[in-house]
Amino acid sequence: MAYDEGLATRLRDLIGAEPGLTEKRMFRGLSMLLDGNMAVSVSGDELLVRIDPADQERLLAEPGAHVFDRTGRPMKGWLLVAPAGFAEDDDLRRWVARGVAFARTLPPK
């Protein structure tokens, strides 16, 4: 499955200057890693965001957010966001900030 290049460009515009940023093909798309820890990813036309697992239930109430489940076992601490949930730049910025903030809590790999 190809990933949304337009969304990848929007992500680069938002976090391209983050220290320790690398891009890697994973989760059927393109992931943005900070010091080796995934923060956000483009998965098809959706945004995959790594979050604090303690925030998952609360964030699932946000527009477009749903559980990341590719194997039949939902992954705690990972949310997919449908395009409607990040169509506006402020919404994308908020989701990306969450992924970046959580990735920064993890030790470098």
C-alpha atoms as a PDB file:
ATOM      1  CA  MET A   1       0.000   0.000   0.000  1.00  0.00           C
ATOM      2  CA  ALA A   2       1.342   3.396  -0.941  1.00  0.00           C
ATOM      3  CA  TYR A   3       1.317   6.219   1.564  1.00  0.00           C
ATOM      4  CA  ASP A   4       0.038   9.764   1.179  1.00  0.00           C
ATOM      5  CA  GLU A   5       3.009  11.831  -0.034  1.00  0.00           C
ATOM      6  CA  GLY A   6       1.116  15.061   0.695  1.00  0.00           C
ATOM      7  CA  LEU A   7       0.746  14.079   4.340  1.00  0.00           C
ATOM      8  CA  ALA A   8       4.434  13.116   4.470  1.00  0.00           C
ATOM      9  CA  THR A   9       5.297  16.605   3.210  1.00  0.00           C
ATOM     10  CA  ARG A  10       3.060  18.206   5.838  1.00  0.00           C
ATOM     11  CA  LEU A  11       4.812  16.167   8.537  1.00  0.00           C
ATOM     12  CA  ARG A  12       8.249  17.176   7.258  1.00  0.00           C
ATOM     13  CA  ASP A  13       7.166  20.811   7.332  1.00  0.00           C
ATOM     14  CA  LEU A  14       6.124  20.432  10.975  1.00  0.00           C
ATOM     15  CA  ILE A  15       9.008  18.421  12.409  1.00  0.00           C
ATOM     16  CA  GLY A  16      11.779  18.573   9.821  1.00  0.00           C
ATOM     17  CA  ALA A  17      13.960  20.664  12.140  1.00  0.00           C
ATOM     18  CA  GLU A  18      13.603  18.349  15.160  1.00  0.00           C
ATOM     19  CA  PRO A  19      16.979  17.145  16.433  1.00  0.00           C
ATOM     20  CA  GLY A  20      17.581  13.451  15.820  1.00  0.00           C
ATOM     21  CA  LEU A  21      14.888  13.131  13.129  1.00  0.00           C
ATOM     22  CA  THR A  22      15.117  10.238  10.688  1.00  0.00           C
ATOM     23  CA  GLU A  23      12.604   8.784   8.264  1.00  0.00           C
ATOM     24  CA  LYS A  24      12.067   5.060   7.884  1.00  0.00           C
ATOM     25  CA  ARG A  25       9.670   2.930   5.888  1.00  0.00           C
ATOM     26  CA  MET A  26       7.595   0.926   8.378  1.00  0.00           C
ATOM     27  CA  PHE A  27       3.962   0.179   9.274  1.00  0.00           C
ATOM     28  CA  ARG A  28       3.168   0.141   5.537  1.00  0.00           C
ATOM     29  CA  GLY A  29       4.182   3.756   5.246  1.00  0.00           C
ATOM     30  CA  LEU A  30       6.745   6.337   6.224  1.00  0.00           C
ATOM     31  CA  SER A  31       7.638   6.880   9.866  1.00  0.00           C
ATOM     32  CA  MET A  32       9.284   9.863  11.507  1.00  0.00           C
ATOM     33  CA  LEU A  33      11.649   8.776  14.278  1.00  0.00           C
ATOM     34  CA  LEU A  34      13.280  10.946  16.903  1.00  0.00           C
ATOM     35  CA  ASP A  35      16.507   9.472  18.237  1.00  0.00           C
ATOM     36  CA  GLY A  36      15.320   6.096  16.944  1.00  0.00           C
ATOM     37  CA  ASN A  37      11.815   6.228  18.496  1.00  0.00           C
ATOM     38  CA  MET A  38       8.794   6.546  16.253  1.00  0.00           C
ATOM     39  CA  ALA A  39       6.742   9.688  16.860  1.00  0.00           C
ATOM     40  CA  VAL A  40       4.362   9.732  13.882  1.00  0.00           C
ATOM     41  CA  SER A  41       3.898   7.834  10.657  1.00  0.00           C
ATOM     42  CA  VAL A  42       1.985   8.089   7.417  1.00  0.00           C
ATOM     43  CA  SER A  43       0.084   4.836   7.000  1.00  0.00           C
ATOM     44  CA  GLY A  44      -1.842   4.880   3.732  1.00  0.00           C
ATOM     45  CA  ASP A  45      -3.841   8.090   4.001  1.00  0.00           C
ATOM     46  CA  GLU A  46      -3.980   7.968   7.796  1.00  0.00           C
ATOM     47  CA  LEU A  47      -1.734   9.356  10.499  1.00  0.00           C
ATOM     48  CA  LEU A  48      -0.275   6.908  13.014  1.00  0.00           C
ATOM     49  CA  VAL A  49       0.640   8.584  16.288  1.00  0.00           C
ATOM     50  CA  ARG A  50       2.607   7.132  19.163  1.00  0.00           C
ATOM     51  CA  ILE A  51       1.102   8.302  22.438  1.00  0.00           C
ATOM     52  CA  ASP A  52       1.309   7.700  26.141  1.00  0.00           C
ATOM     53  CA  PRO A  53      -0.802   4.565  26.671  1.00  0.00           C
ATOM     54  CA  ALA A  54      -2.404   6.261  29.700  1.00  0.00           C
ATOM     55  CA  ASP A  55      -3.944   8.844  27.324  1.00  0.00           C
ATOM     56  CA  GLN A  56      -5.334   6.372  24.797  1.00  0.00           C
ATOM     57  CA  GLU A  57      -8.961   6.183  25.953  1.00  0.00           C
ATOM     58  CA  ARG A  58      -9.240   9.964  26.211  1.00  0.00           C
ATOM     59  CA  LEU A  59      -7.695  10.532  22.774  1.00  0.00           C
ATOM     60  CA  LEU A  60      -9.935   7.936  21.138  1.00  0.00           C
ATOM     61  CA  ALA A  61     -12.805  10.382  21.696  1.00  0.00           C
ATOM     62  CA  GLU A  62     -11.206  12.879  19.284  1.00  0.00           C
ATOM     63  CA  PRO A  63     -12.506  13.109  15.704  1.00  0.00           C
ATOM     64  CA  GLY A  64     -11.022  10.507  13.385  1.00  0.00           C
ATOM     65  CA  ALA A  65      -9.057   8.651  16.084  1.00  0.00           C
ATOM     66  CA  HIS A  66      -9.254   4.884  16.224  1.00  0.00           C
ATOM     67  CA  VAL A  67      -7.255   1.954  17.566  1.00  0.00           C
ATOM     68  CA  PHE A  68      -4.202   0.763  15.635  1.00  0.00           C
ATOM     69  CA  ASP A  69      -4.845  -2.920  14.961  1.00  0.00           C
ATOM     70  CA  ARG A  70      -3.148  -4.608  12.017  1.00  0.00           C
ATOM     71  CA  THR A  71      -2.894  -8.100  13.501  1.00  0.00           C
ATOM     72  CA  GLY A  72      -6.101  -8.628  15.473  1.00  0.00           C
ATOM     73  CA  ARG A  73      -4.400  -7.380  18.638  1.00  0.00           C
ATOM     74  CA  PRO A  74      -4.893  -3.644  19.241  1.00  0.00           C
ATOM     75  CA  MET A  75      -1.655  -1.888  20.122  1.00  0.00           C
ATOM     76  CA  LYS A  76      -1.777   0.180  23.289  1.00  0.00           C
ATOM     77  CA  GLY A  77      -0.064   3.531  22.878  1.00  0.00           C
ATOM     78  CA  TRP A  78      -0.607   3.786  19.126  1.00  0.00           C
ATOM     79  CA  LEU A  79      -3.549   5.516  17.436  1.00  0.00           C
ATOM     80  CA  LEU A  80      -4.557   5.904  13.826  1.00  0.00           C
ATOM     81  CA  VAL A  81      -6.219   9.153  12.836  1.00  0.00           C
ATOM     82  CA  ALA A  82      -8.403   9.303   9.725  1.00  0.00           C
ATOM     83  CA  PRO A  83      -7.832  12.229   7.322  1.00  0.00           C
ATOM     84  CA  ALA A  84     -10.833  14.168   8.631  1.00  0.00           C
ATOM     85  CA  GLY A  85      -9.150  14.259  12.048  1.00  0.00           C
ATOM     86  CA  PHE A  86      -6.131  16.190  10.771  1.00  0.00           C
ATOM     87  CA  ALA A  87      -7.467  18.034   7.714  1.00  0.00           C
ATOM     88  CA  GLU A  88      -6.859  21.390   9.388  1.00  0.00           C
ATOM     89  CA  ASP A  89      -3.249  22.366  10.054  1.00  0.00           C
ATOM     90  CA  ASP A  90      -3.966  23.043  13.734  1.00  0.00           C
ATOM     91  CA  ASP A  91      -5.362  19.525  14.152  1.00  0.00           C
ATOM     92  CA  LEU A  92      -2.339  17.948  12.468  1.00  0.00           C
ATOM     93  CA  ARG A  93      -0.008  20.114  14.541  1.00  0.00           C
ATOM     94  CA  ARG A  94      -1.736  18.953  17.751  1.00  0.00           C
ATOM     95  CA  TRP A  95      -1.467  15.252  16.831  1.00  0.00           C
ATOM     96  CA  VAL A  96       2.158  15.591  15.761  1.00  0.00           C
ATOM     97  CA  ALA A  97       3.029  17.447  18.970  1.00  0.00           C
ATOM     98  CA  ARG A  98       1.609  14.531  20.960  1.00  0.00           C
ATOM     99  CA  GLY A  99       3.726  12.017  19.059  1.00  0.00           C
ATOM    100  CA  VAL A 100       6.860  14.140  19.370  1.00  0.00           C
ATOM    101  CA  ALA A 101       6.297  14.752  23.082  1.00  0.00           C
ATOM    102  CA  PHE A 102       5.886  11.046  23.799  1.00  0.00           C
ATOM    103  CA  ALA A 103       8.859  10.004  21.650  1.00  0.00           C
ATOM    104  CA  ARG A 104      10.999  12.503  23.594  1.00  0.00           C
ATOM    105  CA  THR A 105      10.150  10.683  26.858  1.00  0.00           C
ATOM    106  CA  LEU A 106      11.803   7.506  25.567  1.00  0.00           C
ATOM    107  CA  PRO A 107      15.527   6.760  25.784  1.00  0.00           C
ATOM    108  CA  PRO A 108      17.429   7.113  22.489  1.00  0.00           C
ATOM    109  CA  LYS A 109      17.968   3.894  20.566  1.00  0.00           C
END
